[in-house]
């Protein structure tokens, strides 16, 4: 049996793209070459790895068994490259970071350019997804570090509290309830704008409001914080958003905080890494940079 890292990279590309032609484009290869590499891998293993379903390819039982091994082998290959990829006068190498939407868009997107300016020889990539996806990617060795807004459930991960942020009830400044203390009854009668229904932020917001007798009866769901901010900025409704995401709009007078008696909630963000793997030099330096940055 002879399995190459190139075959495993192609296997991963097919997992991601679900089509041979799209995987070929991702790998900058011809479609026949990708098909041949997959066939060679399957012949070496003595089993098929994919089945056709829903207009694409999906991992079968054998493929699902092999996936974490492929991730680990590709991760070790990257570590080997990094081991011999240090500049004489500083840090050099690759660092792949995953983040949930809020801290990715409003914190890390600002910190990473500063880190890059200080460590120009580090090639850094930021992936923004929901917390569950980022947790899975760290667990399966697809990324080096994760920053999420919910304590991870995976047992093979180490987590540490990274930062806290206030959760705010907010509206556009033209909304009738803006800039005044409101009762739970008044807020229960308002239109609310939230993230999609299955998101943790939506579920948390509704639960926290309910704990203070605010019952959401009328709401709109949008998939990004930017869209939510633009919607409530028109004065049509209210939302619950992290302070870090609305700080600039508050300073410009585009959004206003709503005062509700008893409302004093925070959100904790966590840094996560694999328990079984020692952090690379780049990862350690990046964490120290974040913790010491003003």
C-alpha atoms as a PDB file:
ATOM      1  CA  UNK A   1       0.000   0.000   0.000  1.00  0.00           C
ATOM      2  CA  UNK A   2       1.378   3.410  -1.016  1.00  0.00           C
ATOM      3  CA  UNK A   3      -0.608   6.508  -0.022  1.00  0.00           C
ATOM      4  CA  UNK A   4       0.711   9.994  -0.749  1.00  0.00           C
ATOM      5  CA  UNK A   5      -0.051  13.327   0.849  1.00  0.00           C
ATOM      6  CA  UNK A   6      -1.095  14.565  -2.588  1.00  0.00           C
ATOM      7  CA  UNK A   7      -3.772  11.867  -2.761  1.00  0.00           C
ATOM      8  CA  UNK A   8      -5.023  12.864   0.678  1.00  0.00           C
ATOM      9  CA  UNK A   9      -5.135  16.541  -0.327  1.00  0.00           C
ATOM     10  CA  UNK A  10      -7.240  15.590  -3.350  1.00  0.00           C
ATOM     11  CA  UNK A  11      -9.459  13.428  -1.130  1.00  0.00           C
ATOM     12  CA  UNK A  12     -10.003  16.449   1.149  1.00  0.00           C
ATOM     13  CA  UNK A  13     -10.752  18.703  -1.819  1.00  0.00           C
ATOM     14  CA  UNK A  14     -13.431  16.277  -3.046  1.00  0.00           C
ATOM     15  CA  UNK A  15     -14.912  16.164   0.487  1.00  0.00           C
ATOM     16  CA  UNK A  16     -15.155  19.948   0.464  1.00  0.00           C
ATOM     17  CA  UNK A  17     -16.375  20.526  -3.090  1.00  0.00           C
ATOM     18  CA  UNK A  18     -18.460  17.319  -3.539  1.00  0.00           C
ATOM     19  CA  UNK A  19     -17.645  17.272  -7.262  1.00  0.00           C
ATOM     20  CA  UNK A  20     -14.568  16.049  -9.116  1.00  0.00           C
ATOM     21  CA  UNK A  21     -14.551  19.056 -11.457  1.00  0.00           C
ATOM     22  CA  UNK A  22     -14.739  21.585  -8.599  1.00  0.00           C
ATOM     23  CA  UNK A  23     -12.045  19.729  -6.654  1.00  0.00           C
ATOM     24  CA  UNK A  24      -9.853  19.848  -9.749  1.00  0.00           C
ATOM     25  CA  UNK A  25     -10.303  23.604  -9.968  1.00  0.00           C
ATOM     26  CA  UNK A  26      -9.469  23.984  -6.278  1.00  0.00           C
ATOM     27  CA  UNK A  27      -6.316  21.898  -6.685  1.00  0.00           C
ATOM     28  CA  UNK A  28      -5.337  23.548 -10.009  1.00  0.00           C
ATOM     29  CA  UNK A  29      -5.421  20.146 -11.693  1.00  0.00           C
ATOM     30  CA  UNK A  30      -7.282  18.591 -14.593  1.00  0.00           C
ATOM     31  CA  UNK A  31     -10.484  16.656 -13.881  1.00  0.00           C
ATOM     32  CA  UNK A  32      -9.046  13.369 -15.236  1.00  0.00           C
ATOM     33  CA  UNK A  33      -5.974  13.761 -12.995  1.00  0.00           C
ATOM     34  CA  UNK A  34      -8.155  14.184  -9.894  1.00  0.00           C
ATOM     35  CA  UNK A  35     -10.289  11.185 -10.885  1.00  0.00           C
ATOM     36  CA  UNK A  36      -7.166   9.083 -11.352  1.00  0.00           C
ATOM     37  CA  UNK A  37      -5.725  10.139  -7.979  1.00  0.00           C
ATOM     38  CA  UNK A  38      -8.971   9.202  -6.230  1.00  0.00           C
ATOM     39  CA  UNK A  39      -9.057   5.859  -8.005  1.00  0.00           C
ATOM     40  CA  UNK A  40      -5.446   5.145  -6.986  1.00  0.00           C
ATOM     41  CA  UNK A  41      -6.250   5.995  -3.352  1.00  0.00           C
ATOM     42  CA  UNK A  42      -9.321   3.753  -3.368  1.00  0.00           C
ATOM     43  CA  UNK A  43      -7.316   0.933  -4.967  1.00  0.00           C
ATOM     44  CA  UNK A  44      -4.620   1.269  -2.305  1.00  0.00           C
ATOM     45  CA  UNK A  45      -7.227   1.083   0.451  1.00  0.00           C
ATOM     46  CA  UNK A  46      -9.292  -1.598  -1.248  1.00  0.00           C
ATOM     47  CA  UNK A  47     -12.613   0.247  -0.917  1.00  0.00           C
ATOM     48  CA  UNK A  48     -14.698   3.058  -2.333  1.00  0.00           C
ATOM     49  CA  UNK A  49     -14.725   6.307  -0.347  1.00  0.00           C
ATOM     50  CA  UNK A  50     -17.627   8.220  -1.911  1.00  0.00           C
ATOM     51  CA  UNK A  51     -21.172   7.607  -3.092  1.00  0.00           C
ATOM     52  CA  UNK A  52     -23.262   9.761  -5.391  1.00  0.00           C
ATOM     53  CA  UNK A  53     -26.093  11.594  -3.620  1.00  0.00           C
ATOM     54  CA  UNK A  54     -28.057  14.773  -4.231  1.00  0.00           C
ATOM     55  CA  UNK A  55     -26.162  15.829  -7.326  1.00  0.00           C
ATOM     56  CA  UNK A  56     -22.733  15.387  -5.768  1.00  0.00           C
ATOM     57  CA  UNK A  57     -20.375  13.060  -3.959  1.00  0.00           C
ATOM     58  CA  UNK A  58     -20.732  12.220  -0.282  1.00  0.00           C
ATOM     59  CA  UNK A  59     -18.447  10.254   2.009  1.00  0.00           C
ATOM     60  CA  UNK A  60     -19.566   6.685   2.617  1.00  0.00           C
ATOM     61  CA  UNK A  61     -18.813   4.733   5.802  1.00  0.00           C
ATOM     62  CA  UNK A  62     -15.228   4.008   4.692  1.00  0.00           C
ATOM     63  CA  UNK A  63     -14.629   7.648   3.760  1.00  0.00           C
ATOM     64  CA  UNK A  64     -15.862   8.857   7.146  1.00  0.00           C
ATOM     65  CA  UNK A  65     -13.389   6.528   8.879  1.00  0.00           C
ATOM     66  CA  UNK A  66     -10.492   7.766   6.777  1.00  0.00           C
ATOM     67  CA  UNK A  67     -11.265  11.516   7.039  1.00  0.00           C
ATOM     68  CA  UNK A  68      -9.783  12.167  10.534  1.00  0.00           C
ATOM     69  CA  UNK A  69      -6.663  10.145   9.604  1.00  0.00           C
ATOM     70  CA  UNK A  70      -6.282  12.190   6.422  1.00  0.00           C
ATOM     71  CA  UNK A  71      -6.640  15.415   8.404  1.00  0.00           C
ATOM     72  CA  UNK A  72      -4.018  14.274  10.901  1.00  0.00           C
ATOM     73  CA  UNK A  73      -1.539  13.215   8.221  1.00  0.00           C
ATOM     74  CA  UNK A  74      -1.970  16.484   6.337  1.00  0.00           C
ATOM     75  CA  UNK A  75      -1.608  18.394   9.602  1.00  0.00           C
ATOM     76  CA  UNK A  76       1.625  16.568  10.413  1.00  0.00           C
ATOM     77  CA  UNK A  77       2.904  17.346   6.923  1.00  0.00           C
ATOM     78  CA  UNK A  78       2.205  21.031   7.495  1.00  0.00           C
ATOM     79  CA  UNK A  79       3.929  20.875  10.883  1.00  0.00           C
ATOM     80  CA  UNK A  80       7.002  19.354   9.263  1.00  0.00           C
ATOM     81  CA  UNK A  81       7.115  22.201   6.756  1.00  0.00           C
ATOM     82  CA  UNK A  82       6.729  24.744   9.556  1.00  0.00           C
ATOM     83  CA  UNK A  83       9.526  23.103  11.542  1.00  0.00           C
ATOM     84  CA  UNK A  84      12.012  24.023   8.817  1.00  0.00           C
ATOM     85  CA  UNK A  85      10.401  27.303   7.902  1.00  0.00           C
ATOM     86  CA  UNK A  86      11.714  29.814  10.440  1.00  0.00           C
ATOM     87  CA  UNK A  87      13.430  33.046   9.476  1.00  0.00           C
ATOM     88  CA  UNK A  88      16.801  33.706  11.063  1.00  0.00           C
ATOM     89  CA  UNK A  89      15.626  36.990  12.545  1.00  0.00           C
ATOM     90  CA  UNK A  90      12.057  36.130  13.519  1.00  0.00           C
ATOM     91  CA  UNK A  91       9.029  33.879  13.147  1.00  0.00           C
ATOM     92  CA  UNK A  92       8.035  32.439   9.813  1.00  0.00           C
ATOM     93  CA  UNK A  93       5.444  29.893   8.760  1.00  0.00           C
ATOM     94  CA  UNK A  94       1.712  29.366   8.332  1.00  0.00           C
ATOM     95  CA  UNK A  95      -1.121  29.890  10.814  1.00  0.00           C
ATOM     96  CA  UNK A  96      -4.766  29.048  10.134  1.00  0.00           C
ATOM     97  CA  UNK A  97      -7.277  30.567  12.567  1.00  0.00           C
ATOM     98  CA  UNK A  98     -10.994  29.928  12.792  1.00  0.00           C
ATOM     99  CA  UNK A  99     -13.472  32.234  14.457  1.00  0.00           C
ATOM    100  CA  UNK A 100     -17.159  32.669  15.127  1.00  0.00           C
ATOM    101  CA  UNK A 101     -18.789  35.589  13.328  1.00  0.00           C
ATOM    102  CA  UNK A 102     -18.698  38.323  15.951  1.00  0.00           C
ATOM    103  CA  UNK A 103     -15.077  38.119  17.049  1.00  0.00           C
ATOM    104  CA  UNK A 104     -13.956  37.235  13.531  1.00  0.00           C
ATOM    105  CA  UNK A 105     -15.575  40.264  11.929  1.00  0.00           C
ATOM    106  CA  UNK A 106     -15.147  42.809  14.710  1.00  0.00           C
ATOM    107  CA  UNK A 107     -12.023  41.796  16.678  1.00  0.00           C
ATOM    108  CA  UNK A 108      -9.694  39.436  14.823  1.00  0.00           C
ATOM    109  CA  UNK A 109     -10.145  41.178  11.467  1.00  0.00           C
ATOM    110  CA  UNK A 110      -8.599  44.245  13.140  1.00  0.00           C
ATOM    111  CA  UNK A 111      -5.937  42.430  15.179  1.00  0.00           C
ATOM    112  CA  UNK A 112      -4.569  40.208  12.405  1.00  0.00           C
ATOM    113  CA  UNK A 113      -3.226  43.079  10.235  1.00  0.00           C
ATOM    114  CA  UNK A 114      -1.409  44.437  13.304  1.00  0.00           C
ATOM    115  CA  UNK A 115       0.051  40.989  13.953  1.00  0.00           C
ATOM    116  CA  UNK A 116       1.082  40.710  10.302  1.00  0.00           C
ATOM    117  CA  UNK A 117       2.789  44.089  10.502  1.00  0.00           C
ATOM    118  CA  UNK A 118       4.831  42.884  13.483  1.00  0.00           C
ATOM    119  CA  UNK A 119       5.505  39.393  12.069  1.00  0.00           C
ATOM    120  CA  UNK A 120       5.544  39.873   8.273  1.00  0.00           C
ATOM    121  CA  UNK A 121       6.969  36.398   7.560  1.00  0.00           C
ATOM    122  CA  UNK A 122       3.968  34.594   9.044  1.00  0.00           C
ATOM    123  CA  UNK A 123       1.365  33.608   6.455  1.00  0.00           C
ATOM    124  CA  UNK A 124      -1.954  33.860   8.273  1.00  0.00           C
ATOM    125  CA  UNK A 125      -5.479  32.852   7.226  1.00  0.00           C
ATOM    126  CA  UNK A 126      -8.760  33.618   9.000  1.00  0.00           C
ATOM    127  CA  UNK A 127     -11.835  31.421   8.511  1.00  0.00           C
ATOM    128  CA  UNK A 128     -15.147  32.800   9.827  1.00  0.00           C
ATOM    129  CA  UNK A 129     -17.959  30.335  10.539  1.00  0.00           C
ATOM    130  CA  UNK A 130     -20.391  29.574  13.333  1.00  0.00           C
ATOM    131  CA  UNK A 131     -18.974  28.244  16.608  1.00  0.00           C
ATOM    132  CA  UNK A 132     -19.981  24.618  15.983  1.00  0.00           C
ATOM    133  CA  UNK A 133     -18.211  24.532  12.616  1.00  0.00           C
ATOM    134  CA  UNK A 134     -15.047  26.100  14.064  1.00  0.00           C
ATOM    135  CA  UNK A 135     -15.054  23.634  16.974  1.00  0.00           C
ATOM    136  CA  UNK A 136     -15.307  20.733  14.508  1.00  0.00           C
ATOM    137  CA  UNK A 137     -12.502  22.116  12.332  1.00  0.00           C
ATOM    138  CA  UNK A 138     -10.139  22.450  15.307  1.00  0.00           C
ATOM    139  CA  UNK A 139     -11.075  18.985  16.555  1.00  0.00           C
ATOM    140  CA  UNK A 140     -10.424  17.445  13.128  1.00  0.00           C
ATOM    141  CA  UNK A 141      -7.103  19.288  12.695  1.00  0.00           C
ATOM    142  CA  UNK A 142      -8.217  21.487   9.828  1.00  0.00           C
ATOM    143  CA  UNK A 143      -7.207  24.703  11.613  1.00  0.00           C
ATOM    144  CA  UNK A 144      -4.627  25.577  14.271  1.00  0.00           C
ATOM    145  CA  UNK A 145      -6.631  27.764  16.673  1.00  0.00           C
ATOM    146  CA  UNK A 146     -10.279  28.593  17.198  1.00  0.00           C
ATOM    147  CA  UNK A 147     -12.118  31.498  18.830  1.00  0.00           C
ATOM    148  CA  UNK A 148     -15.774  30.817  19.589  1.00  0.00           C
ATOM    149  CA  UNK A 149     -18.680  32.210  21.617  1.00  0.00           C
ATOM    150  CA  UNK A 150     -19.772  28.964  23.302  1.00  0.00           C
ATOM    151  CA  UNK A 151     -17.801  26.609  25.522  1.00  0.00           C
ATOM    152  CA  UNK A 152     -16.857  23.613  23.337  1.00  0.00           C
ATOM    153  CA  UNK A 153     -18.383  20.192  23.870  1.00  0.00           C
ATOM    154  CA  UNK A 154     -15.631  18.159  22.169  1.00  0.00           C
ATOM    155  CA  UNK A 155     -13.557  16.225  24.681  1.00  0.00           C
ATOM    156  CA  UNK A 156     -10.323  16.434  22.684  1.00  0.00           C
ATOM    157  CA  UNK A 157     -10.158  20.229  22.978  1.00  0.00           C
ATOM    158  CA  UNK A 158      -8.629  22.584  25.530  1.00  0.00           C
ATOM    159  CA  UNK A 159     -10.494  25.843  26.037  1.00  0.00           C
ATOM    160  CA  UNK A 160      -9.664  29.047  27.868  1.00  0.00           C
ATOM    161  CA  UNK A 161     -11.735  32.169  28.474  1.00  0.00           C
ATOM    162  CA  UNK A 162     -10.389  34.740  26.052  1.00  0.00           C
ATOM    163  CA  UNK A 163     -12.592  37.822  26.370  1.00  0.00           C
ATOM    164  CA  UNK A 164     -15.982  39.011  27.578  1.00  0.00           C
ATOM    165  CA  UNK A 165     -18.344  41.464  25.960  1.00  0.00           C
ATOM    166  CA  UNK A 166     -21.618  43.110  26.985  1.00  0.00           C
ATOM    167  CA  UNK A 167     -24.862  42.095  25.316  1.00  0.00           C
ATOM    168  CA  UNK A 168     -26.964  45.139  24.476  1.00  0.00           C
ATOM    169  CA  UNK A 169     -30.580  45.802  23.623  1.00  0.00           C
ATOM    170  CA  UNK A 170     -30.342  48.242  20.746  1.00  0.00           C
ATOM    171  CA  UNK A 171     -32.470  50.126  18.235  1.00  0.00           C
ATOM    172  CA  UNK A 172     -32.194  52.834  15.623  1.00  0.00           C
ATOM    173  CA  UNK A 173     -32.247  56.329  17.116  1.00  0.00           C
ATOM    174  CA  UNK A 174     -35.510  57.132  15.343  1.00  0.00           C
ATOM    175  CA  UNK A 175     -37.349  54.274  17.042  1.00  0.00           C
ATOM    176  CA  UNK A 176     -40.061  55.442  19.482  1.00  0.00           C
ATOM    177  CA  UNK A 177     -38.478  53.594  22.439  1.00  0.00           C
ATOM    178  CA  UNK A 178     -34.951  54.891  21.810  1.00  0.00           C
ATOM    179  CA  UNK A 179     -33.058  56.603  24.618  1.00  0.00           C
ATOM    180  CA  UNK A 180     -35.565  55.788  27.336  1.00  0.00           C
ATOM    181  CA  UNK A 181     -36.221  53.197  30.003  1.00  0.00           C
ATOM    182  CA  UNK A 182     -38.774  50.662  28.800  1.00  0.00           C
ATOM    183  CA  UNK A 183     -41.012  48.170  30.530  1.00  0.00           C
ATOM    184  CA  UNK A 184     -41.069  44.497  29.633  1.00  0.00           C
ATOM    185  CA  UNK A 185     -44.635  44.997  28.376  1.00  0.00           C
ATOM    186  CA  UNK A 186     -43.592  47.708  25.895  1.00  0.00           C
ATOM    187  CA  UNK A 187     -40.650  45.661  24.612  1.00  0.00           C
ATOM    188  CA  UNK A 188     -42.846  42.588  24.186  1.00  0.00           C
ATOM    189  CA  UNK A 189     -44.940  44.554  21.692  1.00  0.00           C
ATOM    190  CA  UNK A 190     -41.973  45.491  19.484  1.00  0.00           C
ATOM    191  CA  UNK A 191     -40.604  43.947  16.289  1.00  0.00           C
ATOM    192  CA  UNK A 192     -37.288  42.183  16.909  1.00  0.00           C
ATOM    193  CA  UNK A 193     -34.525  41.435  14.399  1.00  0.00           C
ATOM    194  CA  UNK A 194     -32.306  38.422  15.121  1.00  0.00           C
ATOM    195  CA  UNK A 195     -29.818  36.036  13.574  1.00  0.00           C
ATOM    196  CA  UNK A 196     -31.310  32.897  11.968  1.00  0.00           C
ATOM    197  CA  UNK A 197     -33.551  30.834  14.241  1.00  0.00           C
ATOM    198  CA  UNK A 198     -31.133  27.946  14.871  1.00  0.00           C
ATOM    199  CA  UNK A 199     -28.195  30.186  15.843  1.00  0.00           C
ATOM    200  CA  UNK A 200     -26.940  30.233  19.415  1.00  0.00           C
ATOM    201  CA  UNK A 201     -27.119  34.026  19.509  1.00  0.00           C
ATOM    202  CA  UNK A 202     -30.827  33.983  18.578  1.00  0.00           C
ATOM    203  CA  UNK A 203     -31.662  31.293  21.125  1.00  0.00           C
ATOM    204  CA  UNK A 204     -29.689  33.058  23.880  1.00  0.00           C
ATOM    205  CA  UNK A 205     -31.266  36.440  23.148  1.00  0.00           C
ATOM    206  CA  UNK A 206     -34.813  35.099  23.326  1.00  0.00           C
ATOM    207  CA  UNK A 207     -34.045  33.225  26.553  1.00  0.00           C
ATOM    208  CA  UNK A 208     -32.473  36.274  28.216  1.00  0.00           C
ATOM    209  CA  UNK A 209     -35.364  38.514  27.226  1.00  0.00           C
ATOM    210  CA  UNK A 210     -37.841  35.945  28.517  1.00  0.00           C
ATOM    211  CA  UNK A 211     -36.018  35.851  31.870  1.00  0.00           C
ATOM    212  CA  UNK A 212     -37.006  39.532  32.276  1.00  0.00           C
ATOM    213  CA  UNK A 213     -40.578  38.922  31.076  1.00  0.00           C
ATOM    214  CA  UNK A 214     -40.006  40.219  27.563  1.00  0.00           C
ATOM    215  CA  UNK A 215     -41.773  37.849  25.163  1.00  0.00           C
ATOM    216  CA  UNK A 216     -40.811  38.002  21.498  1.00  0.00           C
ATOM    217  CA  UNK A 217     -44.017  37.729  19.473  1.00  0.00           C
ATOM    218  CA  UNK A 218     -42.924  39.346  16.221  1.00  0.00           C
ATOM    219  CA  UNK A 219     -39.480  38.942  14.706  1.00  0.00           C
ATOM    220  CA  UNK A 220     -37.415  38.948  11.513  1.00  0.00           C
ATOM    221  CA  UNK A 221     -34.376  36.719  10.956  1.00  0.00           C
ATOM    222  CA  UNK A 222     -31.266  37.825   9.064  1.00  0.00           C
ATOM    223  CA  UNK A 223     -28.028  35.931   8.588  1.00  0.00           C
ATOM    224  CA  UNK A 224     -25.435  38.630   9.348  1.00  0.00           C
ATOM    225  CA  UNK A 225     -24.916  41.219  12.072  1.00  0.00           C
ATOM    226  CA  UNK A 226     -24.332  43.836   9.383  1.00  0.00           C
ATOM    227  CA  UNK A 227     -27.781  43.209   7.922  1.00  0.00           C
ATOM    228  CA  UNK A 228     -29.360  43.322  11.387  1.00  0.00           C
ATOM    229  CA  UNK A 229     -27.686  46.657  12.175  1.00  0.00           C
ATOM    230  CA  UNK A 230     -28.811  48.182   8.892  1.00  0.00           C
ATOM    231  CA  UNK A 231     -32.373  46.937   9.473  1.00  0.00           C
ATOM    232  CA  UNK A 232     -32.775  48.308  12.982  1.00  0.00           C
ATOM    233  CA  UNK A 233     -30.976  51.491  11.928  1.00  0.00           C
ATOM    234  CA  UNK A 234     -34.067  52.333   9.872  1.00  0.00           C
ATOM    235  CA  UNK A 235     -36.055  52.461  13.110  1.00  0.00           C
ATOM    236  CA  UNK A 236     -38.256  49.453  12.379  1.00  0.00           C
ATOM    237  CA  UNK A 237     -37.247  47.251  15.292  1.00  0.00           C
ATOM    238  CA  UNK A 238     -34.940  46.205  18.119  1.00  0.00           C
ATOM    239  CA  UNK A 239     -32.228  43.599  18.529  1.00  0.00           C
ATOM    240  CA  UNK A 240     -29.826  42.077  21.049  1.00  0.00           C
ATOM    241  CA  UNK A 241     -26.241  42.525  19.842  1.00  0.00           C
ATOM    242  CA  UNK A 242     -22.746  42.348  21.358  1.00  0.00           C
ATOM    243  CA  UNK A 243     -21.237  45.719  22.222  1.00  0.00           C
ATOM    244  CA  UNK A 244     -18.113  45.054  20.171  1.00  0.00           C
ATOM    245  CA  UNK A 245     -20.290  44.834  17.040  1.00  0.00           C
ATOM    246  CA  UNK A 246     -22.157  48.118  17.621  1.00  0.00           C
ATOM    247  CA  UNK A 247     -19.550  50.319  19.287  1.00  0.00           C
ATOM    248  CA  UNK A 248     -18.877  52.409  16.184  1.00  0.00           C
ATOM    249  CA  UNK A 249     -22.577  52.869  15.352  1.00  0.00           C
ATOM    250  CA  UNK A 250     -23.220  54.026  18.926  1.00  0.00           C
ATOM    251  CA  UNK A 251     -20.371  56.536  18.703  1.00  0.00           C
ATOM    252  CA  UNK A 252     -21.712  57.882  15.386  1.00  0.00           C
ATOM    253  CA  UNK A 253     -25.233  58.180  16.805  1.00  0.00           C
ATOM    254  CA  UNK A 254     -26.702  55.691  14.342  1.00  0.00           C
ATOM    255  CA  UNK A 255     -27.903  53.240  17.018  1.00  0.00           C
ATOM    256  CA  UNK A 256     -29.102  53.714  20.589  1.00  0.00           C
ATOM    257  CA  UNK A 257     -29.055  51.518  23.681  1.00  0.00           C
ATOM    258  CA  UNK A 258     -32.382  50.522  25.218  1.00  0.00           C
ATOM    259  CA  UNK A 259     -32.544  50.533  29.021  1.00  0.00           C
ATOM    260  CA  UNK A 260     -34.386  47.591  30.586  1.00  0.00           C
ATOM    261  CA  UNK A 261     -34.337  47.122  34.349  1.00  0.00           C
ATOM    262  CA  UNK A 262     -32.308  44.027  35.294  1.00  0.00           C
ATOM    263  CA  UNK A 263     -30.563  43.721  31.939  1.00  0.00           C
ATOM    264  CA  UNK A 264     -26.876  43.095  32.644  1.00  0.00           C
ATOM    265  CA  UNK A 265     -25.636  40.197  30.558  1.00  0.00           C
ATOM    266  CA  UNK A 266     -22.277  39.353  29.074  1.00  0.00           C
ATOM    267  CA  UNK A 267     -21.032  36.923  26.472  1.00  0.00           C
ATOM    268  CA  UNK A 268     -17.833  34.920  27.004  1.00  0.00           C
ATOM    269  CA  UNK A 269     -15.562  34.072  24.106  1.00  0.00           C
ATOM    270  CA  UNK A 270     -13.220  31.077  24.247  1.00  0.00           C
ATOM    271  CA  UNK A 271      -9.945  30.185  22.594  1.00  0.00           C
ATOM    272  CA  UNK A 272      -9.727  26.484  21.694  1.00  0.00           C
ATOM    273  CA  UNK A 273      -6.958  24.112  20.661  1.00  0.00           C
ATOM    274  CA  UNK A 274      -6.441  20.364  20.399  1.00  0.00           C
ATOM    275  CA  UNK A 275      -5.499  18.675  23.650  1.00  0.00           C
ATOM    276  CA  UNK A 276      -3.207  16.140  21.983  1.00  0.00           C
ATOM    277  CA  UNK A 277      -1.091  18.641  20.035  1.00  0.00           C
ATOM    278  CA  UNK A 278       1.474  21.091  21.309  1.00  0.00           C
ATOM    279  CA  UNK A 279       0.880  24.579  19.968  1.00  0.00           C
ATOM    280  CA  UNK A 280       3.228  25.749  17.243  1.00  0.00           C
ATOM    281  CA  UNK A 281       5.495  28.738  17.846  1.00  0.00           C
ATOM    282  CA  UNK A 282       3.282  30.855  15.582  1.00  0.00           C
ATOM    283  CA  UNK A 283       0.154  29.927  17.533  1.00  0.00           C
ATOM    284  CA  UNK A 284       1.748  30.733  20.885  1.00  0.00           C
ATOM    285  CA  UNK A 285       3.034  34.078  19.657  1.00  0.00           C
ATOM    286  CA  UNK A 286      -0.370  34.954  18.193  1.00  0.00           C
ATOM    287  CA  UNK A 287      -2.160  34.130  21.464  1.00  0.00           C
ATOM    288  CA  UNK A 288       0.329  36.214  23.433  1.00  0.00           C
ATOM    289  CA  UNK A 289      -0.110  39.046  20.951  1.00  0.00           C
ATOM    290  CA  UNK A 290      -3.898  39.000  21.393  1.00  0.00           C
ATOM    291  CA  UNK A 291      -3.708  38.829  25.187  1.00  0.00           C
ATOM    292  CA  UNK A 292      -1.255  41.722  25.378  1.00  0.00           C
ATOM    293  CA  UNK A 293      -2.817  43.929  22.702  1.00  0.00           C
ATOM    294  CA  UNK A 294      -4.640  46.976  23.927  1.00  0.00           C
END
